[in-house]
Amino acid sequence: LRKNEIVGYPVVLANYGSSFVFTGLPLTITSCEVEVYRNQERKHFKKMTSKRLTSETKTFFRERLRPRDIIYFSRIRVEDVNGQTQTIGGIKIIVK
């Protein structure tokens, strides 16, 4: 994704295709961790307690994100419509 595409989203959204098998859809993200690496050095880390990006993370994305930085969203906790929670796989984004 390009920096302007990343900066334009204030929340983390989970999307799934028709082959995704999970009962209790839709899922709501309740927490996750976000890290940014540049040349294998961690430049930013924040624990999020909702799907909303923290103000520190939004500022980092807007002011300090560079091409080839790698953003990891990990330890993603989701809640289904029945109130059940689960940790799902992480997401890796390389900034263009």
PDB file of N, CA and C in Angstrom:
ATOM      1  N   LEU A   1       0.834  -1.185   0.000  1.00  0.00           N
ATOM      2  CA  LEU A   1       0.000   0.000   0.000  1.00  0.00           C
ATOM      3  C   LEU A   1       0.874   1.242   0.000  1.00  0.00           C
ATOM      4  N   ARG A   2       0.359   2.290  -0.546  1.00  0.00           N
ATOM      5  CA  ARG A   2       1.068   3.567  -0.524  1.00  0.00           C
ATOM      6  C   ARG A   2       0.766   4.288   0.791  1.00  0.00           C
ATOM      7  N   LYS A   3       1.691   5.171   1.184  1.00  0.00           N
ATOM      8  CA  LYS A   3       1.555   5.881   2.453  1.00  0.00           C
ATOM      9  C   LYS A   3       0.212   6.599   2.559  1.00  0.00           C
ATOM     10  N   ASN A   4      -0.227   7.290   1.502  1.00  0.00           N
ATOM     11  CA  ASN A   4      -1.482   8.039   1.579  1.00  0.00           C
ATOM     12  C   ASN A   4      -2.681   7.104   1.749  1.00  0.00           C
ATOM     13  N   GLU A   5      -2.591   5.875   1.243  1.00  0.00           N
ATOM     14  CA  GLU A   5      -3.667   4.906   1.442  1.00  0.00           C
ATOM     15  C   GLU A   5      -3.705   4.434   2.897  1.00  0.00           C
ATOM     16  N   ILE A   6      -2.538   4.257   3.496  1.00  0.00           N
ATOM     17  CA  ILE A   6      -2.445   3.813   4.881  1.00  0.00           C
ATOM     18  C   ILE A   6      -2.918   4.905   5.831  1.00  0.00           C
ATOM     19  N   VAL A   7      -2.471   6.128   5.610  1.00  0.00           N
ATOM     20  CA  VAL A   7      -2.816   7.252   6.487  1.00  0.00           C
ATOM     21  C   VAL A   7      -4.317   7.549   6.439  1.00  0.00           C
ATOM     22  N   GLY A   8      -4.976   7.241   5.340  1.00  0.00           N
ATOM     23  CA  GLY A   8      -6.381   7.559   5.164  1.00  0.00           C
ATOM     24  C   GLY A   8      -7.359   6.731   5.969  1.00  0.00           C
ATOM     25  N   TYR A   9      -6.889   5.668   6.626  1.00  0.00           N
ATOM     26  CA  TYR A   9      -7.788   4.799   7.379  1.00  0.00           C
ATOM     27  C   TYR A   9      -7.564   4.956   8.886  1.00  0.00           C
ATOM     28  N   PRO A  10      -8.560   5.445   9.636  1.00  0.00           N
ATOM     29  CA  PRO A  10      -8.403   5.636  11.079  1.00  0.00           C
ATOM     30  C   PRO A  10      -8.646   4.373  11.908  1.00  0.00           C
ATOM     31  N   VAL A  11      -9.134   3.303  11.256  1.00  0.00           N
ATOM     32  CA  VAL A  11      -9.425   2.069  11.988  1.00  0.00           C
ATOM     33  C   VAL A  11      -8.842   0.884  11.241  1.00  0.00           C
ATOM     34  N   VAL A  12      -8.685  -0.219  11.968  1.00  0.00           N
ATOM     35  CA  VAL A  12      -8.255  -1.476  11.370  1.00  0.00           C
ATOM     36  C   VAL A  12      -9.516  -2.277  11.074  1.00  0.00           C
ATOM     37  N   LEU A  13      -9.688  -2.654   9.834  1.00  0.00           N
ATOM     38  CA  LEU A  13     -10.872  -3.408   9.438  1.00  0.00           C
ATOM     39  C   LEU A  13     -10.466  -4.808   9.011  1.00  0.00           C
ATOM     40  N   ALA A  14     -11.255  -5.799   9.393  1.00  0.00           N
ATOM     41  CA  ALA A  14     -11.022  -7.173   8.959  1.00  0.00           C
ATOM     42  C   ALA A  14     -12.004  -7.480   7.848  1.00  0.00           C
ATOM     43  N   ASN A  15     -11.490  -8.000   6.762  1.00  0.00           N
ATOM     44  CA  ASN A  15     -12.333  -8.377   5.637  1.00  0.00           C
ATOM     45  C   ASN A  15     -12.059  -9.831   5.314  1.00  0.00           C
ATOM     46  N   TYR A  16     -13.029 -10.533   4.763  1.00  0.00           N
ATOM     47  CA  TYR A  16     -12.861 -11.949   4.476  1.00  0.00           C
ATOM     48  C   TYR A  16     -13.618 -12.289   3.211  1.00  0.00           C
ATOM     49  N   GLY A  17     -13.071 -13.272   2.485  1.00  0.00           N
ATOM     50  CA  GLY A  17     -13.678 -13.715   1.241  1.00  0.00           C
ATOM     51  C   GLY A  17     -14.671 -14.835   1.473  1.00  0.00           C
ATOM     52  N   SER A  18     -15.292 -15.300   0.406  1.00  0.00           N
ATOM     53  CA  SER A  18     -16.315 -16.338   0.506  1.00  0.00           C
ATOM     54  C   SER A  18     -15.747 -17.674   0.966  1.00  0.00           C
ATOM     55  N   SER A  19     -14.435 -17.888   0.819  1.00  0.00           N
ATOM     56  CA  SER A  19     -13.835 -19.152   1.244  1.00  0.00           C
ATOM     57  C   SER A  19     -13.468 -19.166   2.734  1.00  0.00           C
ATOM     58  N   PHE A  20     -13.628 -18.037   3.420  1.00  0.00           N
ATOM     59  CA  PHE A  20     -13.312 -17.940   4.846  1.00  0.00           C
ATOM     60  C   PHE A  20     -14.425 -18.612   5.643  1.00  0.00           C
ATOM     61  N   VAL A  21     -14.069 -19.656   6.387  1.00  0.00           N
ATOM     62  CA  VAL A  21     -15.067 -20.416   7.140  1.00  0.00           C
ATOM     63  C   VAL A  21     -14.955 -20.052   8.621  1.00  0.00           C
ATOM     64  N   PHE A  22     -15.993 -19.414   9.148  1.00  0.00           N
ATOM     65  CA  PHE A  22     -16.006 -19.023  10.554  1.00  0.00           C
ATOM     66  C   PHE A  22     -17.443 -18.743  10.920  1.00  0.00           C
ATOM     67  N   THR A  23     -17.910 -19.300  12.019  1.00  0.00           N
ATOM     68  CA  THR A  23     -19.273 -19.003  12.438  1.00  0.00           C
ATOM     69  C   THR A  23     -19.279 -17.722  13.267  1.00  0.00           C
ATOM     70  N   GLY A  24     -20.420 -17.079  13.354  1.00  0.00           N
ATOM     71  CA  GLY A  24     -20.540 -15.881  14.179  1.00  0.00           C
ATOM     72  C   GLY A  24     -20.131 -14.599  13.495  1.00  0.00           C
ATOM     73  N   LEU A  25     -20.110 -14.605  12.147  1.00  0.00           N
ATOM     74  CA  LEU A  25     -19.733 -13.397  11.426  1.00  0.00           C
ATOM     75  C   LEU A  25     -20.824 -12.340  11.548  1.00  0.00           C
ATOM     76  N   PRO A  26     -20.528 -11.060  11.522  1.00  0.00           N
ATOM     77  CA  PRO A  26     -19.207 -10.477  11.293  1.00  0.00           C
ATOM     78  C   PRO A  26     -18.355 -10.449  12.569  1.00  0.00           C
ATOM     79  N   LEU A  27     -17.065 -10.308  12.371  1.00  0.00           N
ATOM     80  CA  LEU A  27     -16.113 -10.218  13.475  1.00  0.00           C
ATOM     81  C   LEU A  27     -15.779  -8.765  13.746  1.00  0.00           C
ATOM     82  N   THR A  28     -15.539  -8.452  15.015  1.00  0.00           N
ATOM     83  CA  THR A  28     -15.122  -7.110  15.415  1.00  0.00           C
ATOM     84  C   THR A  28     -13.747  -7.214  16.062  1.00  0.00           C
ATOM     85  N   ILE A  29     -12.805  -6.400  15.605  1.00  0.00           N
ATOM     86  CA  ILE A  29     -11.472  -6.377  16.214  1.00  0.00           C
ATOM     87  C   ILE A  29     -11.577  -5.692  17.562  1.00  0.00           C
ATOM     88  N   THR A  30     -11.081  -6.361  18.609  1.00  0.00           N
ATOM     89  CA  THR A  30     -11.126  -5.776  19.948  1.00  0.00           C
ATOM     90  C   THR A  30      -9.760  -5.295  20.428  1.00  0.00           C
ATOM     91  N   SER A  31      -8.685  -5.855  19.868  1.00  0.00           N
ATOM     92  CA  SER A  31      -7.347  -5.392  20.226  1.00  0.00           C
ATOM     93  C   SER A  31      -6.329  -5.978  19.253  1.00  0.00           C
ATOM     94  N   CYS A  32      -5.161  -5.358  19.203  1.00  0.00           N
ATOM     95  CA  CYS A  32      -4.044  -5.879  18.418  1.00  0.00           C
ATOM     96  C   CYS A  32      -2.795  -5.075  18.757  1.00  0.00           C
ATOM     97  N   GLU A  33      -1.692  -5.506  18.190  1.00  0.00           N
ATOM     98  CA  GLU A  33      -0.435  -4.781  18.323  1.00  0.00           C
ATOM     99  C   GLU A  33      -0.007  -4.326  16.938  1.00  0.00           C
ATOM    100  N   VAL A  34       0.572  -3.143  16.863  1.00  0.00           N
ATOM    101  CA  VAL A  34       1.082  -2.636  15.587  1.00  0.00           C
ATOM    102  C   VAL A  34       2.559  -2.287  15.771  1.00  0.00           C
ATOM    103  N   GLU A  35       3.372  -2.762  14.832  1.00  0.00           N
ATOM    104  CA  GLU A  35       4.804  -2.484  14.849  1.00  0.00           C
ATOM    105  C   GLU A  35       5.215  -2.017  13.462  1.00  0.00           C
ATOM    106  N   VAL A  36       6.192  -1.114  13.420  1.00  0.00           N
ATOM    107  CA  VAL A  36       6.758  -0.655  12.157  1.00  0.00           C
ATOM    108  C   VAL A  36       8.262  -0.897  12.209  1.00  0.00           C
ATOM    109  N   TYR A  37       8.763  -1.571  11.164  1.00  0.00           N
ATOM    110  CA  TYR A  37      10.191  -1.844  11.050  1.00  0.00           C
ATOM    111  C   TYR A  37      10.762  -1.148   9.832  1.00  0.00           C
ATOM    112  N   ARG A  38      11.988  -0.644   9.990  1.00  0.00           N
ATOM    113  CA  ARG A  38      12.746  -0.036   8.894  1.00  0.00           C
ATOM    114  C   ARG A  38      14.143  -0.636   8.959  1.00  0.00           C
ATOM    115  N   ASN A  39      14.557  -1.293   7.887  1.00  0.00           N
ATOM    116  CA  ASN A  39      15.871  -1.943   7.845  1.00  0.00           C
ATOM    117  C   ASN A  39      16.071  -2.867   9.048  1.00  0.00           C
ATOM    118  N   GLN A  40      15.069  -3.650   9.367  1.00  0.00           N
ATOM    119  CA  GLN A  40      15.065  -4.638  10.446  1.00  0.00           C
ATOM    120  C   GLN A  40      15.163  -4.025  11.847  1.00  0.00           C
ATOM    121  N   GLU A  41      14.971  -2.729  11.957  1.00  0.00           N
ATOM    122  CA  GLU A  41      14.976  -2.064  13.264  1.00  0.00           C
ATOM    123  C   GLU A  41      13.565  -1.574  13.574  1.00  0.00           C
ATOM    124  N   ARG A  42      13.069  -1.921  14.767  1.00  0.00           N
ATOM    125  CA  ARG A  42      11.721  -1.486  15.137  1.00  0.00           C
ATOM    126  C   ARG A  42      11.707   0.012  15.405  1.00  0.00           C
ATOM    127  N   LYS A  43      10.823   0.719  14.694  1.00  0.00           N
ATOM    128  CA  LYS A  43      10.712   2.173  14.813  1.00  0.00           C
ATOM    129  C   LYS A  43       9.471   2.609  15.579  1.00  0.00           C
ATOM    130  N   HIS A  44       8.475   1.714  15.667  1.00  0.00           N
ATOM    131  CA  HIS A  44       7.232   2.078  16.335  1.00  0.00           C
ATOM    132  C   HIS A  44       6.582   0.814  16.869  1.00  0.00           C
ATOM    133  N   PHE A  45       6.014   0.905  18.082  1.00  0.00           N
ATOM    134  CA  PHE A  45       5.264  -0.210  18.665  1.00  0.00           C
ATOM    135  C   PHE A  45       4.137   0.376  19.508  1.00  0.00           C
ATOM    136  N   LYS A  46       2.948  -0.179  19.349  1.00  0.00           N
ATOM    137  CA  LYS A  46       1.818   0.277  20.157  1.00  0.00           C
ATOM    138  C   LYS A  46       0.812  -0.849  20.297  1.00  0.00           C
ATOM    139  N   LYS A  47       0.304  -1.031  21.506  1.00  0.00           N
ATOM    140  CA  LYS A  47      -0.803  -1.945  21.741  1.00  0.00           C
ATOM    141  C   LYS A  47      -2.087  -1.158  21.582  1.00  0.00           C
ATOM    142  N   MET A  48      -3.014  -1.718  20.830  1.00  0.00           N
ATOM    143  CA  MET A  48      -4.301  -1.068  20.606  1.00  0.00           C
ATOM    144  C   MET A  48      -5.368  -1.840  21.363  1.00  0.00           C
ATOM    145  N   THR A  49      -6.264  -1.136  22.010  1.00  0.00           N
ATOM    146  CA  THR A  49      -7.319  -1.792  22.785  1.00  0.00           C
ATOM    147  C   THR A  49      -8.683  -1.668  22.103  1.00  0.00           C
ATOM    148  N   SER A  50      -8.663  -1.332  20.830  1.00  0.00           N
ATOM    149  CA  SER A  50      -9.880  -1.288  20.017  1.00  0.00           C
ATOM    150  C   SER A  50      -9.430  -1.360  18.563  1.00  0.00           C
ATOM    151  N   LYS A  51     -10.359  -1.258  17.637  1.00  0.00           N
ATOM    152  CA  LYS A  51      -9.987  -1.263  16.222  1.00  0.00           C
ATOM    153  C   LYS A  51      -9.456   0.094  15.763  1.00  0.00           C
ATOM    154  N   ARG A  52      -9.568   1.115  16.609  1.00  0.00           N
ATOM    155  CA  ARG A  52      -9.110   2.451  16.250  1.00  0.00           C
ATOM    156  C   ARG A  52      -7.604   2.585  16.452  1.00  0.00           C
ATOM    157  N   LEU A  53      -6.941   3.171  15.459  1.00  0.00           N
ATOM    158  CA  LEU A  53      -5.515   3.445  15.586  1.00  0.00           C
ATOM    159  C   LEU A  53      -5.312   4.511  16.659  1.00  0.00           C
ATOM    160  N   THR A  54      -4.281   4.348  17.479  1.00  0.00           N
ATOM    161  CA  THR A  54      -3.992   5.354  18.500  1.00  0.00           C
ATOM    162  C   THR A  54      -3.502   6.637  17.836  1.00  0.00           C
ATOM    163  N   SER A  55      -3.598   7.733  18.544  1.00  0.00           N
ATOM    164  CA  SER A  55      -3.135   9.007  17.990  1.00  0.00           C
ATOM    165  C   SER A  55      -1.635   8.955  17.702  1.00  0.00           C
ATOM    166  N   GLU A  56      -0.872   8.250  18.551  1.00  0.00           N
ATOM    167  CA  GLU A  56       0.575   8.122  18.319  1.00  0.00           C
ATOM    168  C   GLU A  56       0.857   7.369  17.023  1.00  0.00           C
ATOM    169  N   THR A  57       0.093   6.297  16.766  1.00  0.00           N
ATOM    170  CA  THR A  57       0.291   5.521  15.547  1.00  0.00           C
ATOM    171  C   THR A  57      -0.113   6.327  14.320  1.00  0.00           C
ATOM    172  N   LYS A  58      -1.238   7.036  14.389  1.00  0.00           N
ATOM    173  CA  LYS A  58      -1.657   7.867  13.261  1.00  0.00           C
ATOM    174  C   LYS A  58      -0.609   8.934  12.954  1.00  0.00           C
ATOM    175  N   THR A  59      -0.061   9.566  13.999  1.00  0.00           N
ATOM    176  CA  THR A  59       0.977  10.582  13.805  1.00  0.00           C
ATOM    177  C   THR A  59       2.220   9.963  13.188  1.00  0.00           C
ATOM    178  N   PHE A  60       2.629   8.787  13.677  1.00  0.00           N
ATOM    179  CA  PHE A  60       3.795   8.108  13.110  1.00  0.00           C
ATOM    180  C   PHE A  60       3.556   7.809  11.634  1.00  0.00           C
ATOM    181  N   PHE A  61       2.408   7.244  11.298  1.00  0.00           N
ATOM    182  CA  PHE A  61       2.096   6.926   9.906  1.00  0.00           C
ATOM    183  C   PHE A  61       2.138   8.186   9.037  1.00  0.00           C
ATOM    184  N   ARG A  62       1.572   9.261   9.517  1.00  0.00           N
ATOM    185  CA  ARG A  62       1.466  10.500   8.739  1.00  0.00           C
ATOM    186  C   ARG A  62       2.823  11.183   8.570  1.00  0.00           C
ATOM    187  N   GLU A  63       3.646  11.214   9.637  1.00  0.00           N
ATOM    188  CA  GLU A  63       4.856  12.039   9.630  1.00  0.00           C
ATOM    189  C   GLU A  63       6.154  11.271   9.415  1.00  0.00           C
ATOM    190  N   ARG A  64       6.189   9.978   9.757  1.00  0.00           N
ATOM    191  CA  ARG A  64       7.478   9.294   9.747  1.00  0.00           C
ATOM    192  C   ARG A  64       7.535   8.026   8.907  1.00  0.00           C
ATOM    193  N   LEU A  65       6.405   7.594   8.364  1.00  0.00           N
ATOM    194  CA  LEU A  65       6.373   6.386   7.552  1.00  0.00           C
ATOM    195  C   LEU A  65       7.106   6.619   6.237  1.00  0.00           C
ATOM    196  N   ARG A  66       7.929   5.641   5.816  1.00  0.00           N
ATOM    197  CA  ARG A  66       8.720   5.778   4.595  1.00  0.00           C
ATOM    198  C   ARG A  66       8.476   4.579   3.674  1.00  0.00           C
ATOM    199  N   PRO A  67       8.769   4.752   2.387  1.00  0.00           N
ATOM    200  CA  PRO A  67       8.702   3.595   1.485  1.00  0.00           C
ATOM    201  C   PRO A  67       9.624   2.475   1.981  1.00  0.00           C
ATOM    202  N   ARG A  68       9.178   1.241   1.816  1.00  0.00           N
ATOM    203  CA  ARG A  68       9.866   0.012   2.234  1.00  0.00           C
ATOM    204  C   ARG A  68       9.773  -0.276   3.724  1.00  0.00           C
ATOM    205  N   ASP A  69       9.138   0.624   4.512  1.00  0.00           N
ATOM    206  CA  ASP A  69       8.856   0.279   5.907  1.00  0.00           C
ATOM    207  C   ASP A  69       7.884  -0.899   5.899  1.00  0.00           C
ATOM    208  N   ILE A  70       7.964  -1.713   6.927  1.00  0.00           N
ATOM    209  CA  ILE A  70       7.074  -2.864   7.055  1.00  0.00           C
ATOM    210  C   ILE A  70       6.218  -2.678   8.296  1.00  0.00           C
ATOM    211  N   ILE A  71       4.905  -2.755   8.105  1.00  0.00           N
ATOM    212  CA  ILE A  71       3.948  -2.617   9.201  1.00  0.00           C
ATOM    213  C   ILE A  71       3.401  -4.008   9.520  1.00  0.00           C
ATOM    214  N   TYR A  72       3.453  -4.379  10.790  1.00  0.00           N
ATOM    215  CA  TYR A  72       2.878  -5.648  11.238  1.00  0.00           C
ATOM    216  C   TYR A  72       1.720  -5.371  12.191  1.00  0.00           C
ATOM    217  N   PHE A  73       0.572  -5.960  11.914  1.00  0.00           N
ATOM    218  CA  PHE A  73      -0.529  -6.004  12.858  1.00  0.00           C
ATOM    219  C   PHE A  73      -0.553  -7.438  13.365  1.00  0.00           C
ATOM    220  N   SER A  74      -0.368  -7.626  14.670  1.00  0.00           N
ATOM    221  CA  SER A  74      -0.286  -8.983  15.215  1.00  0.00           C
ATOM    222  C   SER A  74      -1.106  -9.094  16.495  1.00  0.00           C
ATOM    223  N   ARG A  75      -1.201 -10.327  16.991  1.00  0.00           N
ATOM    224  CA  ARG A  75      -2.004 -10.620  18.189  1.00  0.00           C
ATOM    225  C   ARG A  75      -3.391  -9.983  18.070  1.00  0.00           C
ATOM    226  N   ILE A  76      -3.987 -10.177  16.920  1.00  0.00           N
ATOM    227  CA  ILE A  76      -5.294  -9.586  16.623  1.00  0.00           C
ATOM    228  C   ILE A  76      -6.379 -10.399  17.318  1.00  0.00           C
ATOM    229  N   ARG A  77      -7.092  -9.752  18.236  1.00  0.00           N
ATOM    230  CA  ARG A  77      -8.215 -10.395  18.940  1.00  0.00           C
ATOM    231  C   ARG A  77      -9.506  -9.923  18.293  1.00  0.00           C
ATOM    232  N   VAL A  78     -10.367 -10.887  17.999  1.00  0.00           N
ATOM    233  CA  VAL A  78     -11.656 -10.564  17.400  1.00  0.00           C
ATOM    234  C   VAL A  78     -12.775 -11.150  18.243  1.00  0.00           C
ATOM    235  N   GLU A  79     -13.931 -10.524  18.157  1.00  0.00           N
ATOM    236  CA  GLU A  79     -15.129 -11.002  18.848  1.00  0.00           C
ATOM    237  C   GLU A  79     -16.211 -11.237  17.810  1.00  0.00           C
ATOM    238  N   ASP A  80     -16.885 -12.393  17.907  1.00  0.00           N
ATOM    239  CA  ASP A  80     -17.963 -12.670  16.962  1.00  0.00           C
ATOM    240  C   ASP A  80     -19.296 -12.182  17.519  1.00  0.00           C
ATOM    241  N   VAL A  81     -20.361 -12.361  16.764  1.00  0.00           N
ATOM    242  CA  VAL A  81     -21.675 -11.856  17.178  1.00  0.00           C
ATOM    243  C   VAL A  81     -22.214 -12.558  18.415  1.00  0.00           C
ATOM    244  N   ASN A  82     -21.632 -13.712  18.772  1.00  0.00           N
ATOM    245  CA  ASN A  82     -22.054 -14.458  19.959  1.00  0.00           C
ATOM    246  C   ASN A  82     -21.227 -14.110  21.197  1.00  0.00           C
ATOM    247  N   GLY A  83     -20.292 -13.155  21.055  1.00  0.00           N
ATOM    248  CA  GLY A  83     -19.461 -12.743  22.183  1.00  0.00           C
ATOM    249  C   GLY A  83     -18.222 -13.600  22.399  1.00  0.00           C
ATOM    250  N   GLN A  84     -17.975 -14.560  21.521  1.00  0.00           N
ATOM    251  CA  GLN A  84     -16.789 -15.408  21.619  1.00  0.00           C
ATOM    252  C   GLN A  84     -15.586 -14.651  21.063  1.00  0.00           C
ATOM    253  N   THR A  85     -14.439 -14.760  21.748  1.00  0.00           N
ATOM    254  CA  THR A  85     -13.235 -14.090  21.269  1.00  0.00           C
ATOM    255  C   THR A  85     -12.202 -15.121  20.825  1.00  0.00           C
ATOM    256  N   GLN A  86     -11.354 -14.678  19.907  1.00  0.00           N
ATOM    257  CA  GLN A  86     -10.332 -15.553  19.353  1.00  0.00           C
ATOM    258  C   GLN A  86      -9.200 -14.689  18.820  1.00  0.00           C
ATOM    259  N   THR A  87      -7.982 -15.223  18.837  1.00  0.00           N
ATOM    260  CA  THR A  87      -6.841 -14.557  18.215  1.00  0.00           C
ATOM    261  C   THR A  87      -6.696 -15.090  16.796  1.00  0.00           C
ATOM    262  N   ILE A  88      -6.569 -14.180  15.837  1.00  0.00           N
ATOM    263  CA  ILE A  88      -6.407 -14.587  14.444  1.00  0.00           C
ATOM    264  C   ILE A  88      -5.019 -14.198  13.961  1.00  0.00           C
ATOM    265  N   GLY A  89      -4.641 -14.681  12.779  1.00  0.00           N
ATOM    266  CA  GLY A  89      -3.322 -14.421  12.212  1.00  0.00           C
ATOM    267  C   GLY A  89      -3.051 -12.951  11.971  1.00  0.00           C
ATOM    268  N   GLY A  90      -1.774 -12.626  11.899  1.00  0.00           N
ATOM    269  CA  GLY A  90      -1.362 -11.245  11.702  1.00  0.00           C
ATOM    270  C   GLY A  90      -1.374 -10.816  10.251  1.00  0.00           C
ATOM    271  N   ILE A  91      -1.090  -9.545  10.056  1.00  0.00           N
ATOM    272  CA  ILE A  91      -1.074  -8.932   8.729  1.00  0.00           C
ATOM    273  C   ILE A  91       0.251  -8.189   8.571  1.00  0.00           C
ATOM    274  N   LYS A  92       0.863  -8.327   7.400  1.00  0.00           N
ATOM    275  CA  LYS A  92       2.102  -7.618   7.088  1.00  0.00           C
ATOM    276  C   LYS A  92       1.829  -6.714   5.905  1.00  0.00           C
ATOM    277  N   ILE A  93       2.184  -5.423   6.015  1.00  0.00           N
ATOM    278  CA  ILE A  93       2.020  -4.457   4.940  1.00  0.00           C
ATOM    279  C   ILE A  93       3.370  -3.826   4.641  1.00  0.00           C
ATOM    280  N   ILE A  94       3.760  -3.850   3.378  1.00  0.00           N
ATOM    281  CA  ILE A  94       4.995  -3.179   2.962  1.00  0.00           C
ATOM    282  C   ILE A  94       4.597  -1.863   2.294  1.00  0.00           C
ATOM    283  N   VAL A  95       5.162  -0.770   2.770  1.00  0.00           N
ATOM    284  CA  VAL A  95       4.831   0.562   2.251  1.00  0.00           C
ATOM    285  C   VAL A  95       5.545   0.778   0.929  1.00  0.00           C
ATOM    286  N   LYS A  96       4.788   1.215  -0.084  1.00  0.00           N
ATOM    287  CA  LYS A  96       5.377   1.514  -1.411  1.00  0.00           C
ATOM    288  C   LYS A  96       5.773   2.964  -1.489  1.00  0.00           C
TER     289      LYS A  96
END
